[in-house]
Amino acid sequence: SSVLVTLTARELAPNAKIVATVREADNKHLLKQSGADSV
């Protein structure tokens, strides 16, 4: 859900600062690729 929300938010708000949280470190790169500034 974090990946999908981040992807949608980045598409709608390209200039907003997006901070996301994940439970597993292996998924951190997915959040970064989806547009999160900080994970």
PDB file of all heavy atoms in Angstrom:
ATOM      1  N   SER A   1       0.836  -1.211   0.000  1.00  0.00           N
ATOM      2  CA  SER A   1       0.000   0.000   0.000  1.00  0.00           C
ATOM      3  C   SER A   1       0.863   1.251   0.000  1.00  0.00           C
ATOM      4  O   SER A   1       0.541   2.236  -0.684  1.00  0.00           O
ATOM      5  CB  SER A   1      -0.925   0.007   1.213  1.00  0.00           C
ATOM      6  OG  SER A   1      -1.838  -1.058   1.165  1.00  0.00           O
ATOM      7  N   SER A   2       1.963   1.236   0.750  1.00  0.00           N
ATOM      8  CA  SER A   2       2.864   2.390   0.787  1.00  0.00           C
ATOM      9  C   SER A   2       3.426   2.688  -0.592  1.00  0.00           C
ATOM     10  O   SER A   2       3.532   3.852  -1.011  1.00  0.00           O
ATOM     11  CB  SER A   2       4.009   2.137   1.772  1.00  0.00           C
ATOM     12  OG  SER A   2       3.524   2.009   3.088  1.00  0.00           O
ATOM     13  N   VAL A   3       3.793   1.637  -1.332  1.00  0.00           N
ATOM     14  CA  VAL A   3       4.334   1.827  -2.683  1.00  0.00           C
ATOM     15  C   VAL A   3       3.288   2.444  -3.603  1.00  0.00           C
ATOM     16  O   VAL A   3       3.564   3.399  -4.346  1.00  0.00           O
ATOM     17  CB  VAL A   3       4.833   0.479  -3.247  1.00  0.00           C
ATOM     18  CG1 VAL A   3       5.219   0.634  -4.716  1.00  0.00           C
ATOM     19  CG2 VAL A   3       6.022  -0.024  -2.445  1.00  0.00           C
ATOM     20  N   LEU A   4       2.076   1.919  -3.563  1.00  0.00           N
ATOM     21  CA  LEU A   4       1.017   2.408  -4.444  1.00  0.00           C
ATOM     22  C   LEU A   4       0.621   3.843  -4.103  1.00  0.00           C
ATOM     23  O   LEU A   4       0.402   4.669  -4.998  1.00  0.00           O
ATOM     24  CB  LEU A   4      -0.190   1.481  -4.363  1.00  0.00           C
ATOM     25  CG  LEU A   4       0.023   0.078  -4.940  1.00  0.00           C
ATOM     26  CD1 LEU A   4      -1.166  -0.816  -4.617  1.00  0.00           C
ATOM     27  CD2 LEU A   4       0.253   0.140  -6.430  1.00  0.00           C
ATOM     28  N   VAL A   5       0.522   4.136  -2.810  1.00  0.00           N
ATOM     29  CA  VAL A   5       0.171   5.502  -2.402  1.00  0.00           C
ATOM     30  C   VAL A   5       1.273   6.477  -2.807  1.00  0.00           C
ATOM     31  O   VAL A   5       0.996   7.569  -3.319  1.00  0.00           O
ATOM     32  CB  VAL A   5      -0.075   5.561  -0.884  1.00  0.00           C
ATOM     33  CG1 VAL A   5      -0.224   7.003  -0.427  1.00  0.00           C
ATOM     34  CG2 VAL A   5      -1.312   4.765  -0.510  1.00  0.00           C
ATOM     35  N   THR A   6       2.513   6.095  -2.602  1.00  0.00           N
ATOM     36  CA  THR A   6       3.635   6.959  -2.971  1.00  0.00           C
ATOM     37  C   THR A   6       3.664   7.199  -4.471  1.00  0.00           C
ATOM     38  O   THR A   6       3.893   8.325  -4.938  1.00  0.00           O
ATOM     39  CB  THR A   6       4.962   6.335  -2.516  1.00  0.00           C
ATOM     40  OG1 THR A   6       4.926   6.124  -1.104  1.00  0.00           O
ATOM     41  CG2 THR A   6       6.136   7.230  -2.862  1.00  0.00           C
ATOM     42  N   LEU A   7       3.434   6.151  -5.239  1.00  0.00           N
ATOM     43  CA  LEU A   7       3.421   6.274  -6.698  1.00  0.00           C
ATOM     44  C   LEU A   7       2.330   7.229  -7.155  1.00  0.00           C
ATOM     45  O   LEU A   7       2.563   8.112  -7.997  1.00  0.00           O
ATOM     46  CB  LEU A   7       3.209   4.890  -7.316  1.00  0.00           C
ATOM     47  CG  LEU A   7       3.168   4.794  -8.844  1.00  0.00           C
ATOM     48  CD1 LEU A   7       4.506   5.203  -9.432  1.00  0.00           C
ATOM     49  CD2 LEU A   7       2.807   3.381  -9.273  1.00  0.00           C
ATOM     50  N   THR A   8       1.147   7.090  -6.584  1.00  0.00           N
ATOM     51  CA  THR A   8       0.025   7.957  -6.960  1.00  0.00           C
ATOM     52  C   THR A   8       0.270   9.393  -6.516  1.00  0.00           C
ATOM     53  O   THR A   8       0.004  10.343  -7.262  1.00  0.00           O
ATOM     54  CB  THR A   8      -1.282   7.431  -6.346  1.00  0.00           C
ATOM     55  OG1 THR A   8      -1.451   6.064  -6.680  1.00  0.00           O
ATOM     56  CG2 THR A   8      -2.474   8.220  -6.855  1.00  0.00           C
ATOM     57  N   ALA A   9       0.778   9.562  -5.292  1.00  0.00           N
ATOM     58  CA  ALA A   9       1.027  10.911  -4.773  1.00  0.00           C
ATOM     59  C   ALA A   9       2.102  11.629  -5.582  1.00  0.00           C
ATOM     60  O   ALA A   9       1.978  12.828  -5.860  1.00  0.00           O
ATOM     61  CB  ALA A   9       1.441  10.836  -3.304  1.00  0.00           C
ATOM     62  N   ARG A  10       3.150  10.908  -5.973  1.00  0.00           N
ATOM     63  CA  ARG A  10       4.215  11.543  -6.749  1.00  0.00           C
ATOM     64  C   ARG A  10       3.724  11.960  -8.120  1.00  0.00           C
ATOM     65  O   ARG A  10       4.116  13.018  -8.651  1.00  0.00           O
ATOM     66  CB  ARG A  10       5.394  10.586  -6.879  1.00  0.00           C
ATOM     67  CG  ARG A  10       6.548  11.124  -7.728  1.00  0.00           C
ATOM     68  CD  ARG A  10       6.997  12.501  -7.250  1.00  0.00           C
ATOM     69  NE  ARG A  10       7.684  12.432  -5.967  1.00  0.00           N
ATOM     70  CZ  ARG A  10       7.801  13.444  -5.128  1.00  0.00           C
ATOM     71  NH1 ARG A  10       7.226  14.613  -5.417  1.00  0.00           N
ATOM     72  NH2 ARG A  10       8.439  13.321  -3.990  1.00  0.00           N
ATOM     73  N   GLU A  11       2.847  11.166  -8.720  1.00  0.00           N
ATOM     74  CA  GLU A  11       2.295  11.524 -10.027  1.00  0.00           C
ATOM     75  C   GLU A  11       1.440  12.780  -9.932  1.00  0.00           C
ATOM     76  O   GLU A  11       1.470  13.636 -10.827  1.00  0.00           O
ATOM     77  CB  GLU A  11       1.477  10.365 -10.576  1.00  0.00           C
ATOM     78  CG  GLU A  11       0.930  10.614 -11.978  1.00  0.00           C
ATOM     79  CD  GLU A  11       0.105   9.451 -12.494  1.00  0.00           C
ATOM     80  OE1 GLU A  11      -0.432   8.681 -11.670  1.00  0.00           O
ATOM     81  OE2 GLU A  11      -0.018   9.327 -13.724  1.00  0.00           O
ATOM     82  N   LEU A  12       0.683  12.911  -8.841  1.00  0.00           N
ATOM     83  CA  LEU A  12      -0.207  14.067  -8.676  1.00  0.00           C
ATOM     84  C   LEU A  12       0.524  15.299  -8.171  1.00  0.00           C
ATOM     85  O   LEU A  12       0.137  16.422  -8.486  1.00  0.00           O
ATOM     86  CB  LEU A  12      -1.340  13.708  -7.704  1.00  0.00           C
ATOM     87  CG  LEU A  12      -2.298  12.600  -8.145  1.00  0.00           C
ATOM     88  CD1 LEU A  12      -3.274  12.277  -7.014  1.00  0.00           C
ATOM     89  CD2 LEU A  12      -3.053  12.999  -9.394  1.00  0.00           C
ATOM     90  N   ALA A  13       1.555  15.100  -7.359  1.00  0.00           N
ATOM     91  CA  ALA A  13       2.270  16.232  -6.740  1.00  0.00           C
ATOM     92  C   ALA A  13       3.766  16.073  -6.966  1.00  0.00           C
ATOM     93  O   ALA A  13       4.496  15.619  -6.076  1.00  0.00           O
ATOM     94  CB  ALA A  13       1.948  16.301  -5.257  1.00  0.00           C
ATOM     95  N   PRO A  14       4.250  16.424  -8.136  1.00  0.00           N
ATOM     96  CA  PRO A  14       5.668  16.218  -8.447  1.00  0.00           C
ATOM     97  C   PRO A  14       6.618  17.041  -7.592  1.00  0.00           C
ATOM     98  O   PRO A  14       7.790  16.683  -7.451  1.00  0.00           O
ATOM     99  CB  PRO A  14       5.765  16.612  -9.925  1.00  0.00           C
ATOM    100  CG  PRO A  14       4.565  17.475 -10.183  1.00  0.00           C
ATOM    101  CD  PRO A  14       3.502  16.981  -9.270  1.00  0.00           C
ATOM    102  N   ASN A  15       6.139  18.133  -6.996  1.00  0.00           N
ATOM    103  CA  ASN A  15       7.024  18.999  -6.213  1.00  0.00           C
ATOM    104  C   ASN A  15       6.883  18.820  -4.712  1.00  0.00           C
ATOM    105  O   ASN A  15       7.615  19.445  -3.944  1.00  0.00           O
ATOM    106  CB  ASN A  15       6.758  20.464  -6.569  1.00  0.00           C
ATOM    107  CG  ASN A  15       7.046  20.766  -8.031  1.00  0.00           C
ATOM    108  OD1 ASN A  15       8.011  20.248  -8.596  1.00  0.00           O
ATOM    109  ND2 ASN A  15       6.221  21.598  -8.647  1.00  0.00           N
ATOM    110  N   ALA A  16       5.955  17.995  -4.276  1.00  0.00           N
ATOM    111  CA  ALA A  16       5.752  17.799  -2.837  1.00  0.00           C
ATOM    112  C   ALA A  16       6.847  16.909  -2.258  1.00  0.00           C
ATOM    113  O   ALA A  16       7.401  16.036  -2.950  1.00  0.00           O
ATOM    114  CB  ALA A  16       4.380  17.183  -2.577  1.00  0.00           C
ATOM    115  N   LYS A  17       7.147  17.117  -0.988  1.00  0.00           N
ATOM    116  CA  LYS A  17       8.098  16.257  -0.287  1.00  0.00           C
ATOM    117  C   LYS A  17       7.332  15.055   0.257  1.00  0.00           C
ATOM    118  O   LYS A  17       6.385  15.211   1.019  1.00  0.00           O
ATOM    119  CB  LYS A  17       8.761  17.012   0.859  1.00  0.00           C
ATOM    120  CG  LYS A  17       9.785  16.176   1.618  1.00  0.00           C
ATOM    121  CD  LYS A  17      10.430  16.977   2.731  1.00  0.00           C
ATOM    122  CE  LYS A  17      11.454  16.140   3.477  1.00  0.00           C
ATOM    123  NZ  LYS A  17      12.081  16.901   4.592  1.00  0.00           N
ATOM    124  N   ILE A  18       7.745  13.864  -0.147  1.00  0.00           N
ATOM    125  CA  ILE A  18       7.052  12.645   0.261  1.00  0.00           C
ATOM    126  C   ILE A  18       7.943  11.848   1.203  1.00  0.00           C
ATOM    127  O   ILE A  18       9.077  11.503   0.861  1.00  0.00           O
ATOM    128  CB  ILE A  18       6.667  11.789  -0.953  1.00  0.00           C
ATOM    129  CG1 ILE A  18       5.732  12.567  -1.883  1.00  0.00           C
ATOM    130  CG2 ILE A  18       5.996  10.491  -0.502  1.00  0.00           C
ATOM    131  CD1 ILE A  18       5.313  11.794  -3.117  1.00  0.00           C
ATOM    132  N   VAL A  19       7.424  11.594   2.398  1.00  0.00           N
ATOM    133  CA  VAL A  19       8.114  10.772   3.395  1.00  0.00           C
ATOM    134  C   VAL A  19       7.269   9.535   3.621  1.00  0.00           C
ATOM    135  O   VAL A  19       6.077   9.643   3.929  1.00  0.00           O
ATOM    136  CB  VAL A  19       8.310  11.544   4.712  1.00  0.00           C
ATOM    137  CG1 VAL A  19       9.067  10.684   5.727  1.00  0.00           C
ATOM    138  CG2 VAL A  19       9.066  12.838   4.461  1.00  0.00           C
ATOM    139  N   ALA A  20       7.883   8.352   3.455  1.00  0.00           N
ATOM    140  CA  ALA A  20       7.130   7.106   3.559  1.00  0.00           C
ATOM    141  C   ALA A  20       7.806   6.161   4.536  1.00  0.00           C
ATOM    142  O   ALA A  20       8.996   6.295   4.842  1.00  0.00           O
ATOM    143  CB  ALA A  20       7.006   6.438   2.185  1.00  0.00           C
ATOM    144  N   THR A  21       7.020   5.223   5.021  1.00  0.00           N
ATOM    145  CA  THR A  21       7.541   4.211   5.936  1.00  0.00           C
ATOM    146  C   THR A  21       7.241   2.826   5.386  1.00  0.00           C
ATOM    147  O   THR A  21       6.198   2.606   4.772  1.00  0.00           O
ATOM    148  CB  THR A  21       6.929   4.361   7.342  1.00  0.00           C
ATOM    149  OG1 THR A  21       7.413   3.304   8.181  1.00  0.00           O
ATOM    150  CG2 THR A  21       5.423   4.290   7.300  1.00  0.00           C
ATOM    151  N   VAL A  22       8.191   1.905   5.580  1.00  0.00           N
ATOM    152  CA  VAL A  22       8.004   0.509   5.206  1.00  0.00           C
ATOM    153  C   VAL A  22       8.408  -0.366   6.384  1.00  0.00           C
ATOM    154  O   VAL A  22       9.195   0.045   7.243  1.00  0.00           O
ATOM    155  CB  VAL A  22       8.834   0.117   3.964  1.00  0.00           C
ATOM    156  CG1 VAL A  22       8.313   0.786   2.721  1.00  0.00           C
ATOM    157  CG2 VAL A  22      10.306   0.441   4.179  1.00  0.00           C
ATOM    158  N   ARG A  23       7.870  -1.554   6.404  1.00  0.00           N
ATOM    159  CA  ARG A  23       8.192  -2.477   7.489  1.00  0.00           C
ATOM    160  C   ARG A  23       9.495  -3.213   7.226  1.00  0.00           C
ATOM    161  O   ARG A  23      10.246  -3.500   8.146  1.00  0.00           O
ATOM    162  CB  ARG A  23       7.040  -3.467   7.681  1.00  0.00           C
ATOM    163  CG  ARG A  23       5.723  -2.821   8.060  1.00  0.00           C
ATOM    164  CD  ARG A  23       4.603  -3.843   8.140  1.00  0.00           C
ATOM    165  NE  ARG A  23       4.851  -4.828   9.182  1.00  0.00           N
ATOM    166  CZ  ARG A  23       4.497  -4.678  10.454  1.00  0.00           C
ATOM    167  NH1 ARG A  23       3.867  -3.571  10.834  1.00  0.00           N
ATOM    168  NH2 ARG A  23       4.749  -5.612  11.338  1.00  0.00           N
ATOM    169  N   GLU A  24       9.757  -3.570   5.967  1.00  0.00           N
ATOM    170  CA  GLU A  24      10.928  -4.365   5.615  1.00  0.00           C
ATOM    171  C   GLU A  24      11.930  -3.531   4.832  1.00  0.00           C
ATOM    172  O   GLU A  24      11.556  -2.801   3.910  1.00  0.00           O
ATOM    173  CB  GLU A  24      10.512  -5.586   4.784  1.00  0.00           C
ATOM    174  CG  GLU A  24       9.503  -6.489   5.482  1.00  0.00           C
ATOM    175  CD  GLU A  24      10.069  -7.127   6.734  1.00  0.00           C
ATOM    176  OE1 GLU A  24      11.303  -7.267   6.839  1.00  0.00           O
ATOM    177  OE2 GLU A  24       9.270  -7.498   7.624  1.00  0.00           O
ATOM    178  N   ALA A  25      13.210  -3.669   5.167  1.00  0.00           N
ATOM    179  CA  ALA A  25      14.257  -2.910   4.491  1.00  0.00           C
ATOM    180  C   ALA A  25      14.378  -3.286   3.016  1.00  0.00           C
ATOM    181  O   ALA A  25      14.816  -2.473   2.192  1.00  0.00           O
ATOM    182  CB  ALA A  25      15.593  -3.135   5.204  1.00  0.00           C
ATOM    183  N   ASP A  26      14.009  -4.527   2.658  1.00  0.00           N
ATOM    184  CA  ASP A  26      14.107  -4.958   1.263  1.00  0.00           C
ATOM    185  C   ASP A  26      13.195  -4.162   0.340  1.00  0.00           C
ATOM    186  O   ASP A  26      13.414  -4.134  -0.883  1.00  0.00           O
ATOM    187  CB  ASP A  26      13.751  -6.447   1.153  1.00  0.00           C
ATOM    188  CG  ASP A  26      14.782  -7.335   1.839  1.00  0.00           C
ATOM    189  OD1 ASP A  26      15.910  -6.849   2.068  1.00  0.00           O
ATOM    190  OD2 ASP A  26      14.454  -8.495   2.154  1.00  0.00           O
ATOM    191  N   ASN A  27      12.171  -3.525   0.907  1.00  0.00           N
ATOM    192  CA  ASN A  27      11.224  -2.764   0.091  1.00  0.00           C
ATOM    193  C   ASN A  27      11.557  -1.276   0.021  1.00  0.00           C
ATOM    194  O   ASN A  27      10.817  -0.513  -0.610  1.00  0.00           O
ATOM    195  CB  ASN A  27       9.806  -2.933   0.643  1.00  0.00           C
ATOM    196  CG  ASN A  27       9.326  -4.364   0.556  1.00  0.00           C
ATOM    197  OD1 ASN A  27       9.657  -5.080  -0.381  1.00  0.00           O
ATOM    198  ND2 ASN A  27       8.548  -4.789   1.540  1.00  0.00           N
ATOM    199  N   LYS A  28      12.646  -0.889   0.643  1.00  0.00           N
ATOM    200  CA  LYS A  28      12.999   0.531   0.679  1.00  0.00           C
ATOM    201  C   LYS A  28      13.243   1.073  -0.725  1.00  0.00           C
ATOM    202  O   LYS A  28      12.809   2.189  -1.049  1.00  0.00           O
ATOM    203  CB  LYS A  28      14.242   0.736   1.551  1.00  0.00           C
ATOM    204  CG  LYS A  28      14.660   2.186   1.700  1.00  0.00           C
ATOM    205  CD  LYS A  28      15.834   2.324   2.663  1.00  0.00           C
ATOM    206  CE  LYS A  28      16.246   3.787   2.821  1.00  0.00           C
ATOM    207  NZ  LYS A  28      17.384   3.925   3.781  1.00  0.00           N
ATOM    208  N   HIS A  29      13.931   0.286  -1.579  1.00  0.00           N
ATOM    209  CA  HIS A  29      14.238   0.776  -2.921  1.00  0.00           C
ATOM    210  C   HIS A  29      12.970   0.960  -3.752  1.00  0.00           C
ATOM    211  O   HIS A  29      12.921   1.807  -4.654  1.00  0.00           O
ATOM    212  CB  HIS A  29      15.205  -0.184  -3.619  1.00  0.00           C
ATOM    213  CG  HIS A  29      14.582  -1.477  -4.035  1.00  0.00           C
ATOM    214  ND1 HIS A  29      14.281  -2.488  -3.137  1.00  0.00           N
ATOM    215  CD2 HIS A  29      14.168  -1.920  -5.264  1.00  0.00           C
ATOM    216  CE1 HIS A  29      13.732  -3.505  -3.778  1.00  0.00           C
ATOM    217  NE2 HIS A  29      13.648  -3.184  -5.060  1.00  0.00           N
ATOM    218  N   LEU A  30      11.920   0.167  -3.450  1.00  0.00           N
ATOM    219  CA  LEU A  30      10.664   0.330  -4.175  1.00  0.00           C
ATOM    220  C   LEU A  30      10.034   1.682  -3.873  1.00  0.00           C
ATOM    221  O   LEU A  30       9.470   2.329  -4.763  1.00  0.00           O
ATOM    222  CB  LEU A  30       9.701  -0.800  -3.823  1.00  0.00           C
ATOM    223  CG  LEU A  30      10.121  -2.214  -4.241  1.00  0.00           C
ATOM    224  CD1 LEU A  30       9.104  -3.235  -3.737  1.00  0.00           C
ATOM    225  CD2 LEU A  30      10.253  -2.290  -5.749  1.00  0.00           C
ATOM    226  N   LEU A  31      10.104   2.088  -2.617  1.00  0.00           N
ATOM    227  CA  LEU A  31       9.572   3.414  -2.243  1.00  0.00           C
ATOM    228  C   LEU A  31      10.363   4.526  -2.911  1.00  0.00           C
ATOM    229  O   LEU A  31       9.799   5.517  -3.384  1.00  0.00           O
ATOM    230  CB  LEU A  31       9.600   3.576  -0.726  1.00  0.00           C
ATOM    231  CG  LEU A  31       8.359   3.177   0.078  1.00  0.00           C
ATOM    232  CD1 LEU A  31       7.166   4.027  -0.299  1.00  0.00           C
ATOM    233  CD2 LEU A  31       8.033   1.719  -0.097  1.00  0.00           C
ATOM    234  N   LYS A  32      11.693   4.353  -2.973  1.00  0.00           N
ATOM    235  CA  LYS A  32      12.531   5.357  -3.619  1.00  0.00           C
ATOM    236  C   LYS A  32      12.202   5.456  -5.107  1.00  0.00           C
ATOM    237  O   LYS A  32      12.097   6.556  -5.667  1.00  0.00           O
ATOM    238  CB  LYS A  32      14.009   4.996  -3.431  1.00  0.00           C
ATOM    239  CG  LYS A  32      14.535   5.245  -2.026  1.00  0.00           C
ATOM    240  CD  LYS A  32      14.712   6.739  -1.770  1.00  0.00           C
ATOM    241  CE  LYS A  32      15.422   6.996  -0.455  1.00  0.00           C
ATOM    242  NZ  LYS A  32      15.635   8.456  -0.212  1.00  0.00           N
ATOM    243  N   GLN A  33      12.043   4.304  -5.751  1.00  0.00           N
ATOM    244  CA  GLN A  33      11.707   4.303  -7.171  1.00  0.00           C
ATOM    245  C   GLN A  33      10.325   4.883  -7.428  1.00  0.00           C
ATOM    246  O   GLN A  33      10.069   5.457  -8.492  1.00  0.00           O
ATOM    247  CB  GLN A  33      11.788   2.878  -7.726  1.00  0.00           C
ATOM    248  CG  GLN A  33      13.200   2.313  -7.796  1.00  0.00           C
ATOM    249  CD  GLN A  33      13.231   0.879  -8.284  1.00  0.00           C
ATOM    250  OE1 GLN A  33      12.182   0.281  -8.545  1.00  0.00           O
ATOM    251  NE2 GLN A  33      14.430   0.319  -8.412  1.00  0.00           N
ATOM    252  N   SER A  34       9.428   4.741  -6.461  1.00  0.00           N
ATOM    253  CA  SER A  34       8.068   5.264  -6.617  1.00  0.00           C
ATOM    254  C   SER A  34       7.992   6.764  -6.421  1.00  0.00           C
ATOM    255  O   SER A  34       6.959   7.367  -6.727  1.00  0.00           O
ATOM    256  CB  SER A  34       7.124   4.558  -5.639  1.00  0.00           C
ATOM    257  OG  SER A  34       7.091   3.171  -5.882  1.00  0.00           O
ATOM    258  N   GLY A  35       9.069   7.359  -5.886  1.00  0.00           N
ATOM    259  CA  GLY A  35       9.090   8.818  -5.761  1.00  0.00           C
ATOM    260  C   GLY A  35       9.223   9.355  -4.357  1.00  0.00           C
ATOM    261  O   GLY A  35       9.116  10.569  -4.148  1.00  0.00           O
ATOM    262  N   ALA A  36       9.469   8.486  -3.363  1.00  0.00           N
ATOM    263  CA  ALA A  36       9.615   8.977  -1.991  1.00  0.00           C
ATOM    264  C   ALA A  36      10.947   9.690  -1.825  1.00  0.00           C
ATOM    265  O   ALA A  36      11.989   9.218  -2.295  1.00  0.00           O
ATOM    266  CB  ALA A  36       9.513   7.815  -1.005  1.00  0.00           C
ATOM    267  N   ASP A  37      10.935  10.842  -1.160  1.00  0.00           N
ATOM    268  CA  ASP A  37      12.173  11.574  -0.870  1.00  0.00           C
ATOM    269  C   ASP A  37      12.918  10.956   0.300  1.00  0.00           C
ATOM    270  O   ASP A  37      14.152  10.925   0.310  1.00  0.00           O
ATOM    271  CB  ASP A  37      11.844  13.044  -0.560  1.00  0.00           C
ATOM    272  CG  ASP A  37      11.211  13.740  -1.749  1.00  0.00           C
ATOM    273  OD1 ASP A  37      11.904  13.923  -2.761  1.00  0.00           O
ATOM    274  OD2 ASP A  37      10.023  14.091  -1.669  1.00  0.00           O
ATOM    275  N   SER A  38      12.171  10.493   1.293  1.00  0.00           N
ATOM    276  CA  SER A  38      12.772   9.858   2.465  1.00  0.00           C
ATOM    277  C   SER A  38      11.963   8.609   2.802  1.00  0.00           C
ATOM    278  O   SER A  38      10.741   8.612   2.687  1.00  0.00           O
ATOM    279  CB  SER A  38      12.803  10.809   3.665  1.00  0.00           C
ATOM    280  OG  SER A  38      13.523  11.984   3.364  1.00  0.00           O
ATOM    281  N   VAL A  39      12.674   7.559   3.241  1.00  0.00           N
ATOM    282  CA  VAL A  39      12.016   6.315   3.609  1.00  0.00           C
ATOM    283  C   VAL A  39      12.513   5.889   4.983  1.00  0.00           C
ATOM    284  O   VAL A  39      13.727   5.842   5.231  1.00  0.00           O
ATOM    285  CB  VAL A  39      12.297   5.194   2.587  1.00  0.00           C
ATOM    286  CG1 VAL A  39      11.607   3.902   3.015  1.00  0.00           C
ATOM    287  CG2 VAL A  39      11.837   5.609   1.195  1.00  0.00           C
TER     288      VAL A  39
END
